Amino acid sequence: MLEILQQLDFVEIIGSFLVMFAIIDITGSIPIFIGMENQGRHIKALPATSVALGLFLAFFFIGEALLHLFGIDIASFAVAGAFVLFVLALEMILGREIMKNEGSPAGASIVPVAFPLIAGPGAITALISLRAEYATVNILIGLMLNIVIDYLVIRLLDRVHRWLGEEVVYVLRKFFGVILLAISVKLFANNLAVVIANSRL
């Protein structure tokens, strides 16, 4: 316990928090969440953030070994996440429902909110990478601060929606749809070469 307290570093906590906050970009996902709610895909804050936290912790402590258990590498995981983001982006831009609501009790809380919007391949990879720079306790505190913010944003989504108004939400949905599309293409392109190279080994 004393060793953990000695490792506490405010600068490292803030650094970890800012890196994860920038990659998760929960504020940029608000139009996405509102769009899914409008399509009848109810998002529950607690299941979404709990599953996301579970994914983060699993990959943080087990890392690539967890994927290797299923014969999957980080690059393949990223490509799969890119496909989900791509479809979601098309929904936002075209105003068409592609991923049908199957009536799951969790709604859209698990996919695509917990993964890949919160605990996406980029955020998971960044979290694992931080271990080379910061103490574990500081990274985990930074992660937990992000999860709390994610929970509050999803929990108060209706208030945010009312505050923004329908017209602003519509414009933001289209704008962030294009941004999300670009992110998915970049994620796919950056990792496809790695997947192909690994398949030849």
N, C-alpha and C. Protein backbone atom coordinates (compact mmCIF):
# COMPACT_ATOMS: atom_id res chain seq x y z
N MET A 1 0.83 -1.21 0.00
CA MET A 1 0.00 0.00 0.00
C MET A 1 0.87 1.26 0.00
N LEU A 2 1.92 1.25 0.84
CA LEU A 2 2.81 2.39 0.93
C LEU A 2 3.52 2.63 -0.40
N GLU A 3 3.89 1.52 -1.08
CA GLU A 3 4.56 1.63 -2.37
C GLU A 3 3.65 2.28 -3.41
N ILE A 4 2.36 1.92 -3.37
CA ILE A 4 1.39 2.50 -4.30
C ILE A 4 1.24 3.99 -4.07
N LEU A 5 1.16 4.38 -2.79
CA LEU A 5 1.03 5.80 -2.45
C LEU A 5 2.25 6.59 -2.90
N GLN A 6 3.41 5.96 -2.82
CA GLN A 6 4.63 6.63 -3.24
C GLN A 6 4.68 6.84 -4.75
N GLN A 7 3.95 5.99 -5.49
CA GLN A 7 3.93 6.10 -6.94
C GLN A 7 2.94 7.13 -7.46
N LEU A 8 2.06 7.62 -6.57
CA LEU A 8 1.06 8.60 -6.99
C LEU A 8 1.75 9.86 -7.50
N ASP A 9 1.34 10.27 -8.69
CA ASP A 9 1.94 11.45 -9.32
C ASP A 9 0.84 12.21 -10.05
N PHE A 10 0.58 13.43 -9.59
CA PHE A 10 -0.50 14.24 -10.15
C PHE A 10 -0.29 14.49 -11.64
N VAL A 11 0.94 14.75 -12.04
CA VAL A 11 1.24 15.03 -13.45
C VAL A 11 0.94 13.79 -14.31
N GLU A 12 1.32 12.61 -13.82
CA GLU A 12 1.06 11.38 -14.56
C GLU A 12 -0.44 11.10 -14.64
N ILE A 13 -1.17 11.38 -13.57
CA ILE A 13 -2.63 11.18 -13.57
C ILE A 13 -3.28 12.07 -14.61
N ILE A 14 -2.92 13.35 -14.62
CA ILE A 14 -3.47 14.29 -15.59
C ILE A 14 -3.08 13.88 -17.01
N GLY A 15 -1.83 13.46 -17.18
CA GLY A 15 -1.37 13.04 -18.49
C GLY A 15 -2.16 11.84 -19.01
N SER A 16 -2.35 10.84 -18.15
CA SER A 16 -3.12 9.66 -18.53
C SER A 16 -4.57 10.03 -18.84
N PHE A 17 -5.13 10.89 -18.00
CA PHE A 17 -6.51 11.32 -18.21
C PHE A 17 -6.69 12.02 -19.55
N LEU A 18 -5.79 12.95 -19.86
CA LEU A 18 -5.92 13.73 -21.09
C LEU A 18 -5.75 12.87 -22.34
N VAL A 19 -4.81 11.93 -22.30
CA VAL A 19 -4.62 11.04 -23.44
C VAL A 19 -5.87 10.22 -23.70
N MET A 20 -6.42 9.62 -22.65
CA MET A 20 -7.62 8.79 -22.81
C MET A 20 -8.84 9.61 -23.18
N PHE A 21 -8.95 10.81 -22.60
CA PHE A 21 -10.10 11.67 -22.89
C PHE A 21 -10.11 12.10 -24.36
N ALA A 22 -8.93 12.41 -24.87
CA ALA A 22 -8.82 12.85 -26.27
C ALA A 22 -9.19 11.73 -27.23
N ILE A 23 -8.78 10.50 -26.91
CA ILE A 23 -9.04 9.38 -27.81
C ILE A 23 -10.48 8.90 -27.70
N ILE A 24 -10.99 8.80 -26.48
CA ILE A 24 -12.38 8.37 -26.31
C ILE A 24 -13.33 9.41 -26.90
N ASP A 25 -13.04 10.69 -26.67
CA ASP A 25 -13.82 11.81 -27.22
C ASP A 25 -15.31 11.64 -26.96
N ILE A 26 -15.67 11.53 -25.69
CA ILE A 26 -17.07 11.30 -25.33
C ILE A 26 -17.97 12.46 -25.73
N THR A 27 -17.45 13.68 -25.70
CA THR A 27 -18.27 14.83 -26.09
C THR A 27 -18.59 14.79 -27.59
N GLY A 28 -17.64 14.31 -28.37
CA GLY A 28 -17.88 14.18 -29.81
C GLY A 28 -18.86 13.09 -30.15
N SER A 29 -19.09 12.18 -29.20
CA SER A 29 -20.02 11.07 -29.44
C SER A 29 -21.46 11.41 -29.07
N ILE A 30 -21.68 12.60 -28.48
CA ILE A 30 -23.03 12.97 -28.05
C ILE A 30 -24.04 12.90 -29.20
N PRO A 31 -23.73 13.45 -30.38
CA PRO A 31 -24.70 13.34 -31.49
C PRO A 31 -24.97 11.89 -31.89
N ILE A 32 -23.97 11.03 -31.76
CA ILE A 32 -24.15 9.62 -32.07
C ILE A 32 -25.13 8.99 -31.09
N PHE A 33 -24.93 9.26 -29.80
CA PHE A 33 -25.81 8.72 -28.77
C PHE A 33 -27.25 9.19 -28.97
N ILE A 34 -27.40 10.47 -29.24
CA ILE A 34 -28.74 11.04 -29.44
C ILE A 34 -29.41 10.39 -30.64
N GLY A 35 -28.65 10.19 -31.72
CA GLY A 35 -29.19 9.55 -32.91
C GLY A 35 -29.66 8.14 -32.63
N MET A 36 -28.90 7.38 -31.84
CA MET A 36 -29.30 6.02 -31.50
C MET A 36 -30.55 6.00 -30.63
N GLU A 37 -30.62 6.96 -29.70
CA GLU A 37 -31.82 7.06 -28.85
C GLU A 37 -33.04 7.36 -29.70
N ASN A 38 -32.89 8.23 -30.68
CA ASN A 38 -34.00 8.57 -31.57
C ASN A 38 -34.47 7.38 -32.40
N GLN A 39 -33.55 6.42 -32.64
CA GLN A 39 -33.89 5.22 -33.40
C GLN A 39 -34.42 4.10 -32.51
N GLY A 40 -34.60 4.40 -31.24
CA GLY A 40 -35.15 3.40 -30.32
C GLY A 40 -34.10 2.52 -29.68
N ARG A 41 -32.82 2.85 -29.86
CA ARG A 41 -31.76 2.06 -29.24
C ARG A 41 -31.41 2.70 -27.90
N HIS A 42 -32.07 2.26 -26.86
CA HIS A 42 -31.88 2.88 -25.55
C HIS A 42 -30.48 2.59 -25.02
N ILE A 43 -29.84 3.62 -24.49
CA ILE A 43 -28.50 3.48 -23.93
C ILE A 43 -28.57 3.62 -22.42
N LYS A 44 -28.09 2.61 -21.72
CA LYS A 44 -28.05 2.64 -20.26
C LYS A 44 -26.62 2.96 -19.82
N ALA A 45 -26.50 4.02 -19.05
CA ALA A 45 -25.17 4.53 -18.68
C ALA A 45 -24.35 3.52 -17.89
N LEU A 46 -24.95 2.87 -16.91
CA LEU A 46 -24.19 1.96 -16.05
C LEU A 46 -23.68 0.73 -16.81
N PRO A 47 -24.54 0.01 -17.57
CA PRO A 47 -24.01 -1.14 -18.33
C PRO A 47 -22.95 -0.72 -19.35
N ALA A 48 -23.17 0.40 -20.03
CA ALA A 48 -22.23 0.84 -21.05
C ALA A 48 -20.85 1.13 -20.46
N THR A 49 -20.82 1.92 -19.39
CA THR A 49 -19.53 2.29 -18.80
C THR A 49 -18.90 1.13 -18.03
N SER A 50 -19.73 0.25 -17.45
CA SER A 50 -19.20 -0.91 -16.73
C SER A 50 -18.50 -1.87 -17.69
N VAL A 51 -19.15 -2.15 -18.83
CA VAL A 51 -18.55 -3.04 -19.82
C VAL A 51 -17.29 -2.41 -20.40
N ALA A 52 -17.35 -1.11 -20.69
CA ALA A 52 -16.17 -0.41 -21.21
C ALA A 52 -15.01 -0.49 -20.22
N LEU A 53 -15.30 -0.26 -18.94
CA LEU A 53 -14.27 -0.34 -17.90
C LEU A 53 -13.70 -1.75 -17.82
N GLY A 54 -14.58 -2.75 -17.91
CA GLY A 54 -14.13 -4.14 -17.88
C GLY A 54 -13.19 -4.45 -19.03
N LEU A 55 -13.53 -3.96 -20.22
CA LEU A 55 -12.67 -4.17 -21.39
C LEU A 55 -11.32 -3.49 -21.20
N PHE A 56 -11.35 -2.26 -20.72
CA PHE A 56 -10.11 -1.52 -20.48
C PHE A 56 -9.20 -2.28 -19.50
N LEU A 57 -9.78 -2.71 -18.38
CA LEU A 57 -8.99 -3.38 -17.36
C LEU A 57 -8.45 -4.73 -17.85
N ALA A 58 -9.30 -5.46 -18.59
CA ALA A 58 -8.88 -6.75 -19.11
C ALA A 58 -7.68 -6.60 -20.04
N PHE A 59 -7.78 -5.64 -20.96
CA PHE A 59 -6.68 -5.44 -21.90
C PHE A 59 -5.46 -4.81 -21.22
N PHE A 60 -5.70 -4.01 -20.20
CA PHE A 60 -4.59 -3.37 -19.50
C PHE A 60 -3.73 -4.39 -18.78
N PHE A 61 -4.37 -5.34 -18.10
CA PHE A 61 -3.63 -6.30 -17.30
C PHE A 61 -3.24 -7.57 -18.06
N ILE A 62 -4.06 -7.93 -19.05
CA ILE A 62 -3.78 -9.17 -19.79
C ILE A 62 -3.22 -8.85 -21.17
N GLY A 63 -3.69 -7.73 -21.74
CA GLY A 63 -3.17 -7.25 -23.01
C GLY A 63 -3.34 -8.21 -24.16
N GLU A 64 -2.29 -8.35 -24.92
CA GLU A 64 -2.36 -9.15 -26.14
C GLU A 64 -2.59 -10.63 -25.85
N ALA A 65 -2.25 -11.07 -24.65
CA ALA A 65 -2.45 -12.48 -24.30
C ALA A 65 -3.92 -12.87 -24.39
N LEU A 66 -4.83 -11.93 -24.05
CA LEU A 66 -6.26 -12.20 -24.11
C LEU A 66 -6.71 -12.41 -25.55
N LEU A 67 -6.20 -11.59 -26.45
CA LEU A 67 -6.55 -11.74 -27.86
C LEU A 67 -5.94 -13.02 -28.44
N HIS A 68 -4.70 -13.31 -28.05
CA HIS A 68 -4.03 -14.50 -28.55
C HIS A 68 -4.75 -15.77 -28.13
N LEU A 69 -5.47 -15.69 -27.01
CA LEU A 69 -6.25 -16.83 -26.55
C LEU A 69 -7.30 -17.23 -27.58
N PHE A 70 -7.79 -16.22 -28.31
CA PHE A 70 -8.78 -16.45 -29.36
C PHE A 70 -8.16 -16.42 -30.75
N GLY A 71 -6.83 -16.39 -30.78
CA GLY A 71 -6.14 -16.36 -32.07
C GLY A 71 -6.28 -15.04 -32.80
N ILE A 72 -6.41 -13.95 -32.03
CA ILE A 72 -6.60 -12.61 -32.61
C ILE A 72 -5.47 -11.71 -32.16
N ASP A 73 -5.02 -10.83 -33.06
CA ASP A 73 -4.03 -9.84 -32.67
C ASP A 73 -4.67 -8.46 -32.59
N ILE A 74 -3.90 -7.49 -32.09
CA ILE A 74 -4.42 -6.13 -31.91
C ILE A 74 -4.88 -5.53 -33.23
N ALA A 75 -4.14 -5.79 -34.29
CA ALA A 75 -4.47 -5.22 -35.60
C ALA A 75 -5.82 -5.74 -36.10
N SER A 76 -6.06 -7.04 -35.95
CA SER A 76 -7.34 -7.63 -36.37
C SER A 76 -8.49 -7.06 -35.54
N PHE A 77 -8.22 -6.86 -34.26
CA PHE A 77 -9.21 -6.26 -33.36
C PHE A 77 -9.56 -4.85 -33.82
N ALA A 78 -8.55 -4.10 -34.23
CA ALA A 78 -8.76 -2.73 -34.70
C ALA A 78 -9.55 -2.70 -36.00
N VAL A 79 -9.26 -3.64 -36.91
CA VAL A 79 -9.99 -3.70 -38.18
C VAL A 79 -11.47 -4.02 -37.93
N ALA A 80 -11.74 -4.94 -37.01
CA ALA A 80 -13.13 -5.28 -36.67
C ALA A 80 -13.87 -4.07 -36.10
N GLY A 81 -13.19 -3.33 -35.22
CA GLY A 81 -13.79 -2.11 -34.67
C GLY A 81 -14.03 -1.06 -35.73
N ALA A 82 -13.15 -1.01 -36.72
CA ALA A 82 -13.31 -0.04 -37.82
C ALA A 82 -14.57 -0.31 -38.61
N PHE A 83 -14.91 -1.58 -38.83
CA PHE A 83 -16.13 -1.92 -39.55
C PHE A 83 -17.38 -1.44 -38.81
N VAL A 84 -17.40 -1.62 -37.50
CA VAL A 84 -18.54 -1.18 -36.70
C VAL A 84 -18.69 0.33 -36.78
N LEU A 85 -17.57 1.05 -36.65
CA LEU A 85 -17.60 2.51 -36.74
C LEU A 85 -18.03 2.98 -38.12
N PHE A 86 -17.60 2.27 -39.15
CA PHE A 86 -17.94 2.62 -40.53
C PHE A 86 -19.45 2.55 -40.76
N VAL A 87 -20.05 1.46 -40.31
CA VAL A 87 -21.50 1.28 -40.47
C VAL A 87 -22.26 2.35 -39.69
N LEU A 88 -21.80 2.62 -38.47
CA LEU A 88 -22.45 3.64 -37.65
C LEU A 88 -22.35 5.01 -38.30
N ALA A 89 -21.20 5.30 -38.90
CA ALA A 89 -21.01 6.59 -39.58
C ALA A 89 -21.95 6.73 -40.76
N LEU A 90 -22.13 5.65 -41.53
CA LEU A 90 -23.06 5.68 -42.67
C LEU A 90 -24.49 5.95 -42.20
N GLU A 91 -24.85 5.37 -41.08
CA GLU A 91 -26.19 5.62 -40.52
C GLU A 91 -26.37 7.11 -40.22
N MET A 92 -25.36 7.70 -39.64
CA MET A 92 -25.45 9.11 -39.27
C MET A 92 -25.53 10.02 -40.49
N ILE A 93 -24.74 9.71 -41.50
CA ILE A 93 -24.67 10.56 -42.69
C ILE A 93 -25.91 10.39 -43.57
N LEU A 94 -26.32 9.14 -43.78
CA LEU A 94 -27.42 8.85 -44.70
C LEU A 94 -28.79 8.88 -44.05
N GLY A 95 -28.81 8.85 -42.71
CA GLY A 95 -30.10 8.85 -42.02
C GLY A 95 -30.86 7.55 -42.21
N ARG A 96 -30.12 6.43 -42.38
CA ARG A 96 -30.75 5.13 -42.57
C ARG A 96 -30.29 4.17 -41.47
N GLU A 97 -31.20 3.32 -41.02
CA GLU A 97 -30.86 2.34 -40.00
C GLU A 97 -30.29 1.09 -40.66
N ILE A 98 -29.03 0.77 -40.34
CA ILE A 98 -28.37 -0.41 -40.90
C ILE A 98 -28.26 -1.51 -39.85
N MET A 99 -27.78 -1.13 -38.66
CA MET A 99 -27.72 -2.09 -37.56
C MET A 99 -29.07 -2.09 -36.86
N LYS A 100 -29.86 -3.10 -37.10
CA LYS A 100 -31.20 -3.17 -36.57
C LYS A 100 -31.22 -3.34 -35.06
N ASN A 101 -32.22 -2.74 -34.43
CA ASN A 101 -32.41 -2.91 -33.00
C ASN A 101 -33.04 -4.26 -32.74
N GLU A 102 -32.28 -5.17 -32.11
CA GLU A 102 -32.75 -6.54 -31.90
C GLU A 102 -33.46 -6.73 -30.58
N GLY A 103 -33.73 -5.65 -29.90
CA GLY A 103 -34.50 -5.75 -28.66
C GLY A 103 -33.71 -6.25 -27.47
N SER A 104 -32.41 -6.09 -27.51
CA SER A 104 -31.58 -6.50 -26.38
C SER A 104 -31.92 -5.65 -25.15
N PRO A 105 -31.95 -6.27 -23.95
CA PRO A 105 -32.24 -5.50 -22.73
C PRO A 105 -31.27 -4.35 -22.53
N ALA A 106 -30.05 -4.50 -23.05
CA ALA A 106 -29.05 -3.44 -22.90
C ALA A 106 -29.13 -2.42 -24.03
N GLY A 107 -30.03 -2.66 -25.03
CA GLY A 107 -30.16 -1.75 -26.14
C GLY A 107 -28.85 -1.63 -26.89
N ALA A 108 -28.40 -0.39 -27.07
CA ALA A 108 -27.12 -0.15 -27.75
C ALA A 108 -26.00 0.05 -26.74
N SER A 109 -26.24 -0.29 -25.48
CA SER A 109 -25.27 0.01 -24.43
C SER A 109 -23.96 -0.72 -24.61
N ILE A 110 -24.03 -1.96 -25.11
CA ILE A 110 -22.80 -2.74 -25.26
C ILE A 110 -22.13 -2.45 -26.59
N VAL A 111 -22.85 -2.71 -27.70
CA VAL A 111 -22.35 -2.40 -29.05
C VAL A 111 -23.34 -1.45 -29.70
N PRO A 112 -22.94 -0.27 -30.13
CA PRO A 112 -21.55 0.17 -30.27
C PRO A 112 -21.06 1.13 -29.20
N VAL A 113 -21.83 1.31 -28.09
CA VAL A 113 -21.42 2.34 -27.12
C VAL A 113 -20.20 1.91 -26.30
N ALA A 114 -20.33 0.80 -25.55
CA ALA A 114 -19.18 0.33 -24.76
C ALA A 114 -18.01 0.01 -25.67
N PHE A 115 -18.31 -0.73 -26.75
CA PHE A 115 -17.31 -1.01 -27.78
C PHE A 115 -17.97 -0.82 -29.13
N PRO A 116 -17.40 0.01 -30.03
CA PRO A 116 -16.06 0.59 -29.93
C PRO A 116 -16.02 2.08 -29.60
N LEU A 117 -17.19 2.71 -29.26
CA LEU A 117 -17.18 4.15 -29.06
C LEU A 117 -16.42 4.58 -27.81
N ILE A 118 -16.55 3.84 -26.71
CA ILE A 118 -15.79 4.20 -25.50
C ILE A 118 -14.50 3.38 -25.46
N ALA A 119 -14.62 2.09 -25.32
CA ALA A 119 -13.44 1.22 -25.28
C ALA A 119 -13.12 0.72 -26.67
N GLY A 120 -12.72 1.64 -27.53
CA GLY A 120 -12.38 1.28 -28.90
C GLY A 120 -10.94 0.78 -29.00
N PRO A 121 -10.58 0.24 -30.15
CA PRO A 121 -9.21 -0.26 -30.35
C PRO A 121 -8.15 0.79 -30.08
N GLY A 122 -8.41 2.04 -30.53
CA GLY A 122 -7.45 3.11 -30.32
C GLY A 122 -7.25 3.41 -28.85
N ALA A 123 -8.36 3.49 -28.11
CA ALA A 123 -8.27 3.79 -26.68
C ALA A 123 -7.61 2.65 -25.91
N ILE A 124 -7.94 1.41 -26.28
CA ILE A 124 -7.34 0.25 -25.61
C ILE A 124 -5.85 0.19 -25.88
N THR A 125 -5.47 0.41 -27.13
CA THR A 125 -4.05 0.40 -27.50
C THR A 125 -3.30 1.50 -26.76
N ALA A 126 -3.91 2.69 -26.68
CA ALA A 126 -3.28 3.81 -25.97
C ALA A 126 -3.10 3.49 -24.49
N LEU A 127 -4.11 2.85 -23.91
CA LEU A 127 -4.05 2.50 -22.49
C LEU A 127 -2.90 1.54 -22.22
N ILE A 128 -2.76 0.53 -23.09
CA ILE A 128 -1.67 -0.42 -22.93
C ILE A 128 -0.32 0.28 -23.12
N SER A 129 -0.26 1.19 -24.07
CA SER A 129 1.00 1.89 -24.36
C SER A 129 1.44 2.78 -23.20
N LEU A 130 0.48 3.31 -22.44
CA LEU A 130 0.82 4.20 -21.33
C LEU A 130 1.63 3.49 -20.25
N ARG A 131 1.54 2.16 -20.21
CA ARG A 131 2.25 1.41 -19.17
C ARG A 131 3.76 1.58 -19.29
N ALA A 132 4.21 1.92 -20.50
CA ALA A 132 5.65 2.10 -20.71
C ALA A 132 6.14 3.43 -20.16
N GLU A 133 5.21 4.35 -19.85
CA GLU A 133 5.59 5.69 -19.44
C GLU A 133 5.19 6.03 -18.01
N TYR A 134 4.02 5.57 -17.59
CA TYR A 134 3.48 5.97 -16.29
C TYR A 134 3.30 4.78 -15.35
N ALA A 135 3.22 5.08 -14.05
CA ALA A 135 2.96 4.06 -13.05
C ALA A 135 1.52 3.56 -13.20
N THR A 136 1.32 2.29 -12.91
CA THR A 136 0.01 1.66 -13.08
C THR A 136 -1.09 2.40 -12.33
N VAL A 137 -0.83 2.78 -11.08
CA VAL A 137 -1.86 3.43 -10.27
C VAL A 137 -2.31 4.75 -10.88
N ASN A 138 -1.38 5.49 -11.46
CA ASN A 138 -1.72 6.78 -12.06
C ASN A 138 -2.55 6.61 -13.34
N ILE A 139 -2.22 5.59 -14.11
CA ILE A 139 -2.99 5.31 -15.32
C ILE A 139 -4.42 4.90 -14.97
N LEU A 140 -4.55 4.06 -13.95
CA LEU A 140 -5.88 3.59 -13.55
C LEU A 140 -6.74 4.73 -13.01
N ILE A 141 -6.14 5.65 -12.28
CA ILE A 141 -6.90 6.80 -11.78
C ILE A 141 -7.36 7.67 -12.95
N GLY A 142 -6.46 7.90 -13.91
CA GLY A 142 -6.83 8.66 -15.11
C GLY A 142 -7.95 7.99 -15.88
N LEU A 143 -7.89 6.65 -15.96
CA LEU A 143 -8.94 5.89 -16.64
C LEU A 143 -10.27 6.02 -15.92
N MET A 144 -10.25 5.89 -14.59
CA MET A 144 -11.49 5.97 -13.81
C MET A 144 -12.14 7.34 -13.93
N LEU A 145 -11.34 8.39 -13.97
CA LEU A 145 -11.89 9.74 -14.15
C LEU A 145 -12.62 9.84 -15.49
N ASN A 146 -12.06 9.23 -16.52
CA ASN A 146 -12.72 9.23 -17.83
C ASN A 146 -14.03 8.45 -17.79
N ILE A 147 -14.03 7.32 -17.12
CA ILE A 147 -15.25 6.49 -17.04
C ILE A 147 -16.36 7.26 -16.32
N VAL A 148 -16.00 7.99 -15.27
CA VAL A 148 -17.00 8.79 -14.53
C VAL A 148 -17.60 9.84 -15.45
N ILE A 149 -16.76 10.52 -16.21
CA ILE A 149 -17.26 11.54 -17.15
C ILE A 149 -18.14 10.90 -18.21
N ASP A 150 -17.73 9.74 -18.73
CA ASP A 150 -18.53 9.04 -19.73
C ASP A 150 -19.91 8.70 -19.17
N TYR A 151 -19.94 8.23 -17.93
CA TYR A 151 -21.20 7.88 -17.29
C TYR A 151 -22.11 9.10 -17.18
N LEU A 152 -21.57 10.22 -16.74
CA LEU A 152 -22.37 11.43 -16.56
C LEU A 152 -22.93 11.95 -17.88
N VAL A 153 -22.11 11.89 -18.93
CA VAL A 153 -22.57 12.36 -20.24
C VAL A 153 -23.73 11.51 -20.74
N ILE A 154 -23.61 10.19 -20.63
CA ILE A 154 -24.69 9.30 -21.09
C ILE A 154 -25.91 9.43 -20.19
N ARG A 155 -25.67 9.53 -18.88
CA ARG A 155 -26.78 9.62 -17.91
C ARG A 155 -27.60 10.89 -18.11
N LEU A 156 -26.93 11.98 -18.48
CA LEU A 156 -27.61 13.28 -18.64
C LEU A 156 -27.88 13.60 -20.11
N LEU A 157 -27.92 12.58 -20.94
CA LEU A 157 -28.05 12.78 -22.38
C LEU A 157 -29.32 13.54 -22.75
N ASP A 158 -30.43 13.25 -22.09
CA ASP A 158 -31.69 13.93 -22.39
C ASP A 158 -31.59 15.44 -22.14
N ARG A 159 -30.93 15.82 -21.06
CA ARG A 159 -30.76 17.24 -20.75
C ARG A 159 -29.87 17.92 -21.80
N VAL A 160 -28.84 17.21 -22.20
CA VAL A 160 -27.94 17.75 -23.23
C VAL A 160 -28.70 17.93 -24.53
N HIS A 161 -29.56 16.97 -24.85
CA HIS A 161 -30.37 17.01 -26.07
C HIS A 161 -31.29 18.23 -26.05
N ARG A 162 -31.97 18.44 -24.94
CA ARG A 162 -32.88 19.59 -24.82
C ARG A 162 -32.13 20.90 -24.90
N TRP A 163 -30.95 20.93 -24.33
CA TRP A 163 -30.16 22.16 -24.33
C TRP A 163 -29.67 22.51 -25.73
N LEU A 164 -29.28 21.50 -26.50
CA LEU A 164 -28.78 21.75 -27.85
C LEU A 164 -29.89 22.08 -28.84
N GLY A 165 -31.02 21.36 -28.75
CA GLY A 165 -32.10 21.57 -29.70
C GLY A 165 -31.97 20.66 -30.91
N GLU A 166 -33.09 20.43 -31.60
CA GLU A 166 -33.13 19.48 -32.72
C GLU A 166 -32.23 19.90 -33.88
N GLU A 167 -32.25 21.19 -34.24
CA GLU A 167 -31.49 21.64 -35.40
C GLU A 167 -29.98 21.49 -35.18
N VAL A 168 -29.52 21.86 -34.00
CA VAL A 168 -28.09 21.73 -33.70
C VAL A 168 -27.70 20.26 -33.68
N VAL A 169 -28.55 19.42 -33.10
CA VAL A 169 -28.27 17.99 -33.05
C VAL A 169 -28.17 17.41 -34.45
N TYR A 170 -29.05 17.86 -35.35
CA TYR A 170 -29.04 17.36 -36.74
C TYR A 170 -27.72 17.72 -37.43
N VAL A 171 -27.29 18.98 -37.28
CA VAL A 171 -26.04 19.43 -37.90
C VAL A 171 -24.85 18.68 -37.31
N LEU A 172 -24.82 18.55 -35.98
CA LEU A 172 -23.72 17.86 -35.33
C LEU A 172 -23.68 16.39 -35.73
N ARG A 173 -24.85 15.78 -35.89
CA ARG A 173 -24.91 14.36 -36.27
C ARG A 173 -24.26 14.15 -37.64
N LYS A 174 -24.57 15.01 -38.60
CA LYS A 174 -23.99 14.87 -39.93
C LYS A 174 -22.48 15.14 -39.89
N PHE A 175 -22.10 16.18 -39.16
CA PHE A 175 -20.69 16.55 -39.08
C PHE A 175 -19.86 15.43 -38.45
N PHE A 176 -20.31 14.95 -37.31
CA PHE A 176 -19.56 13.90 -36.63
C PHE A 176 -19.68 12.55 -37.35
N GLY A 177 -20.72 12.42 -38.18
CA GLY A 177 -20.81 11.22 -39.01
C GLY A 177 -19.65 11.15 -39.98
N VAL A 178 -19.34 12.30 -40.59
CA VAL A 178 -18.20 12.37 -41.53
C VAL A 178 -16.89 12.15 -40.77
N ILE A 179 -16.77 12.76 -39.58
CA ILE A 179 -15.56 12.58 -38.77
C ILE A 179 -15.39 11.11 -38.40
N LEU A 180 -16.48 10.48 -37.97
CA LEU A 180 -16.43 9.08 -37.58
C LEU A 180 -16.08 8.19 -38.76
N LEU A 181 -16.59 8.55 -39.94
CA LEU A 181 -16.28 7.80 -41.15
C LEU A 181 -14.78 7.88 -41.45
N ALA A 182 -14.22 9.08 -41.31
CA ALA A 182 -12.78 9.26 -41.55
C ALA A 182 -11.95 8.47 -40.55
N ILE A 183 -12.38 8.46 -39.29
CA ILE A 183 -11.66 7.72 -38.26
C ILE A 183 -11.69 6.22 -38.56
N SER A 184 -12.84 5.73 -38.98
CA SER A 184 -12.97 4.30 -39.28
C SER A 184 -12.09 3.90 -40.46
N VAL A 185 -12.05 4.76 -41.49
CA VAL A 185 -11.20 4.47 -42.67
C VAL A 185 -9.72 4.48 -42.28
N LYS A 186 -9.33 5.45 -41.46
CA LYS A 186 -7.93 5.53 -41.02
C LYS A 186 -7.57 4.32 -40.17
N LEU A 187 -8.47 3.94 -39.26
CA LEU A 187 -8.24 2.79 -38.40
C LEU A 187 -8.10 1.52 -39.22
N PHE A 188 -8.95 1.39 -40.24
CA PHE A 188 -8.92 0.22 -41.12
C PHE A 188 -7.63 0.19 -41.93
N ALA A 189 -7.28 1.33 -42.53
CA ALA A 189 -6.10 1.40 -43.40
C ALA A 189 -4.81 1.16 -42.62
N ASN A 190 -4.73 1.71 -41.41
CA ASN A 190 -3.51 1.58 -40.62
C ASN A 190 -3.25 0.15 -40.16
N ASN A 191 -4.31 -0.62 -40.02
CA ASN A 191 -4.15 -1.96 -39.46
C ASN A 191 -4.31 -3.09 -40.47
N LEU A 192 -4.89 -2.79 -41.64
CA LEU A 192 -5.10 -3.84 -42.64
C LEU A 192 -3.78 -4.42 -43.12
N ALA A 193 -2.79 -3.55 -43.36
CA ALA A 193 -1.48 -4.02 -43.83
C ALA A 193 -0.84 -4.97 -42.83
N VAL A 194 -1.02 -4.65 -41.55
CA VAL A 194 -0.46 -5.49 -40.49
C VAL A 194 -1.13 -6.85 -40.47
N VAL A 195 -2.47 -6.85 -40.65
CA VAL A 195 -3.22 -8.12 -40.67
C VAL A 195 -2.77 -8.98 -41.84
N ILE A 196 -2.63 -8.37 -43.01
CA ILE A 196 -2.20 -9.11 -44.21
C ILE A 196 -0.79 -9.67 -44.02
N ALA A 197 0.09 -8.84 -43.47
CA ALA A 197 1.48 -9.29 -43.24
C ALA A 197 1.51 -10.46 -42.26
N ASN A 198 0.71 -10.37 -41.20
CA ASN A 198 0.68 -11.45 -40.21
C ASN A 198 0.12 -12.74 -40.77
N SER A 199 -0.84 -12.61 -41.71
CA SER A 199 -1.47 -13.80 -42.28
C SER A 199 -0.51 -14.56 -43.19
N ARG A 200 0.54 -13.88 -43.66
CA ARG A 200 1.51 -14.52 -44.56
C ARG A 200 2.62 -15.24 -43.80
N LEU A 201 2.68 -14.95 -42.48
CA LEU A 201 3.75 -15.55 -41.67
C LEU A 201 3.46 -17.03 -41.41
